[in-house]
Amino acid sequence: GALISATYFSCSGGKTESAQAVWGSEVPYLVSVDSPGEEEASSYESSVTVELPVFLDTLGITEPSVSQVTYTDGGGVDTMEIDGKTFEGTELRALFDLRSTNFTMEITADAVTFYVLGFGHRVGMSQYGAKAMAENGSSYDEILTWYYSGAELTSVA
């Protein structure tokens, strides 16, 4: 019986995130769902390369060694342990200006390159996913209830 917070973003790269994974608070209708039409689109890919000394200095570490990575239900980096120090995916996204937390890293002798899928926080409705669903015949109410799982559409008089 209350209005929802209808969050949205550009594109997910194939799957959305839950509010819990990104903002730390559970919202029943903001859960991870597949985002049709975004699974293999190269336009949702980006990369960021950071010189190794800048990477180490930014994180306050001495070695770029990754020992453990955990992932969210939406496929984003939840935590990453680098040189014995644990970083949240949202923190790494902010520190290195990544388009989303759905990334992998490649470490070379000179640099660290992040390969990123999606653009935005990936919570709620994907604009590109909603467009793909509409182009495949889904109605607005099917799209809204897909991305805002469990929410009910009603008229406001």
Protein backbone atom coordinates (compact mmCIF):
# COMPACT_ATOMS: atom_id res chain seq x y z
CA GLY A 1 0.00 0.00 0.00
CA ALA A 2 3.01 2.38 -0.09
CA LEU A 3 5.04 3.86 -2.91
CA ILE A 4 8.29 2.11 -3.77
CA SER A 5 11.69 3.62 -4.35
CA ALA A 6 11.82 2.93 -8.08
CA THR A 7 15.58 3.00 -8.53
CA TYR A 8 16.98 2.48 -12.02
CA PHE A 9 20.29 2.60 -13.86
CA SER A 10 21.70 2.33 -17.38
CA CYS A 11 22.65 -1.31 -17.93
CA SER A 12 23.53 -4.34 -15.82
CA GLY A 13 25.52 -6.54 -18.15
CA GLY A 14 23.01 -9.36 -17.64
CA LYS A 15 21.89 -9.36 -14.00
CA THR A 16 20.83 -6.70 -11.50
CA GLU A 17 22.01 -6.33 -7.91
CA SER A 18 20.04 -6.31 -4.67
CA ALA A 19 19.81 -3.20 -2.53
CA GLN A 20 21.45 -5.23 0.25
CA ALA A 21 24.55 -5.90 -1.89
CA VAL A 22 25.03 -2.27 -2.91
CA TRP A 23 23.62 -0.13 -0.09
CA GLY A 24 23.65 -2.57 2.82
CA SER A 25 19.91 -2.46 3.49
CA GLU A 26 17.41 -5.08 2.45
CA VAL A 27 14.49 -3.88 0.33
CA PRO A 28 12.06 -6.72 -0.51
CA TYR A 29 11.37 -5.59 -4.09
CA LEU A 30 14.99 -4.64 -4.94
CA VAL A 31 16.53 -8.07 -5.39
CA SER A 32 18.84 -9.51 -8.03
CA VAL A 33 17.07 -10.58 -11.25
CA ASP A 34 18.22 -11.51 -14.74
CA SER A 35 18.13 -8.57 -17.13
CA PRO A 36 17.14 -9.92 -20.55
CA GLY A 37 18.88 -8.63 -23.66
CA GLU A 38 22.07 -7.54 -21.88
CA GLU A 39 23.92 -10.82 -21.54
CA GLU A 40 26.35 -10.48 -24.43
CA ALA A 41 26.24 -6.83 -25.48
CA SER A 42 29.77 -5.52 -25.88
CA SER A 43 28.52 -1.93 -25.56
CA TYR A 44 28.17 -2.58 -21.82
CA GLU A 45 31.85 -3.40 -21.45
CA SER A 46 34.50 -0.91 -20.36
CA SER A 47 37.99 -1.02 -18.95
CA VAL A 48 40.05 1.13 -16.62
CA THR A 49 43.83 0.83 -16.43
CA VAL A 50 45.67 2.14 -13.37
CA GLU A 51 49.45 2.36 -13.15
CA LEU A 52 50.71 -0.08 -10.53
CA PRO A 53 52.23 2.53 -8.16
CA VAL A 54 48.95 4.50 -8.19
CA PHE A 55 46.95 1.31 -7.52
CA LEU A 56 49.17 0.34 -4.56
CA ASP A 57 49.19 3.85 -3.12
CA THR A 58 45.42 4.28 -3.47
CA LEU A 59 44.80 1.05 -1.55
CA GLY A 60 47.64 1.52 0.94
CA ILE A 61 49.21 -1.84 0.09
CA THR A 62 52.61 -3.05 -1.11
CA GLU A 63 51.72 -6.02 -3.36
CA PRO A 64 48.88 -6.38 -5.90
CA SER A 65 48.26 -10.02 -4.96
CA VAL A 66 44.60 -11.09 -4.87
CA SER A 67 43.99 -14.02 -2.54
CA GLN A 68 40.19 -14.18 -2.38
CA VAL A 69 37.15 -12.74 -4.17
CA THR A 70 33.51 -13.13 -3.14
CA TYR A 71 30.59 -12.24 -5.39
CA THR A 72 27.05 -10.99 -4.89
CA ASP A 73 23.98 -12.77 -6.24
CA GLY A 74 24.04 -10.25 -9.10
CA GLY A 75 27.59 -11.21 -10.11
CA GLY A 76 29.30 -8.10 -8.78
CA VAL A 77 32.39 -8.15 -6.60
CA ASP A 78 31.25 -8.28 -2.98
CA THR A 79 34.72 -8.37 -1.40
CA MET A 80 38.24 -8.71 -2.71
CA GLU A 81 41.27 -9.49 -0.56
CA ILE A 82 44.36 -7.79 -1.94
CA ASP A 83 47.73 -8.04 -0.14
CA GLY A 84 45.92 -9.31 2.96
CA LYS A 85 43.52 -6.36 3.12
CA THR A 86 39.80 -6.74 2.33
CA PHE A 87 38.03 -4.22 0.10
CA GLU A 88 34.35 -4.06 -0.81
CA GLY A 89 33.48 -4.06 -4.50
CA THR A 90 31.57 -0.80 -4.04
CA GLU A 91 34.70 0.75 -2.50
CA LEU A 92 36.90 -0.36 -5.41
CA ARG A 93 34.29 0.95 -7.85
CA ALA A 94 34.40 4.38 -6.21
CA LEU A 95 38.20 4.52 -5.79
CA PHE A 96 38.94 3.65 -9.42
CA ASP A 97 35.87 5.23 -11.07
CA LEU A 98 34.53 1.93 -12.41
CA ARG A 99 31.15 1.85 -14.14
CA SER A 100 29.89 -0.99 -11.90
CA THR A 101 30.99 -3.63 -9.40
CA ASN A 102 30.72 -6.35 -12.05
CA PHE A 103 34.43 -6.48 -12.87
CA THR A 104 37.51 -8.63 -13.17
CA MET A 105 41.12 -7.50 -12.74
CA GLU A 106 44.27 -8.21 -14.70
CA ILE A 107 47.56 -7.44 -12.97
CA THR A 108 50.77 -6.92 -14.94
CA ALA A 109 54.23 -5.73 -13.90
CA ASP A 110 53.26 -2.12 -14.70
CA ALA A 111 49.51 -1.75 -14.24
CA VAL A 112 46.19 -3.11 -13.09
CA THR A 113 43.35 -3.24 -15.61
CA PHE A 114 39.71 -3.56 -14.55
CA TYR A 115 37.34 -5.12 -17.11
CA VAL A 116 33.82 -3.97 -16.27
CA LEU A 117 30.32 -5.05 -17.36
CA GLY A 118 27.32 -2.76 -16.92
CA PHE A 119 26.95 0.89 -16.05
CA GLY A 120 25.50 2.13 -12.78
CA HIS A 121 24.69 0.73 -9.35
CA ARG A 122 22.67 -2.10 -10.99
CA VAL A 123 19.83 -1.93 -8.42
CA GLY A 124 16.21 -1.87 -9.62
CA MET A 125 15.29 -1.43 -13.27
CA SER A 126 17.84 -1.54 -16.06
CA GLN A 127 17.01 0.97 -18.80
CA TYR A 128 18.60 -1.21 -21.49
CA GLY A 129 17.00 -4.37 -20.12
CA ALA A 130 13.57 -2.72 -19.98
CA LYS A 131 14.01 -1.58 -23.58
CA ALA A 132 14.94 -5.12 -24.66
CA MET A 133 11.90 -6.54 -22.84
CA ALA A 134 9.60 -3.98 -24.50
CA GLU A 135 11.06 -4.76 -27.93
CA ASN A 136 10.31 -8.44 -27.26
CA GLY A 137 6.66 -7.70 -26.48
CA SER A 138 6.59 -7.25 -22.70
CA SER A 139 4.08 -4.71 -21.39
CA TYR A 140 5.00 -1.92 -19.00
CA ASP A 141 3.44 -3.76 -16.05
CA GLU A 142 5.34 -6.96 -16.88
CA ILE A 143 8.59 -4.97 -17.03
CA LEU A 144 7.95 -3.12 -13.76
CA THR A 145 6.96 -6.22 -11.82
CA TRP A 146 9.97 -8.08 -13.24
CA TYR A 147 12.49 -5.51 -12.00
CA TYR A 148 10.62 -4.62 -8.78
CA SER A 149 9.97 -8.20 -7.66
CA GLY A 150 6.91 -8.58 -5.47
CA ALA A 151 5.73 -4.99 -5.96
CA GLU A 152 2.10 -4.61 -6.91
CA LEU A 153 0.88 -2.04 -9.41
CA THR A 154 -2.27 -0.22 -8.31
CA SER A 155 -4.06 2.96 -9.35
CA VAL A 156 -3.65 6.05 -7.20
CA ALA A 157 -6.82 8.10 -7.09
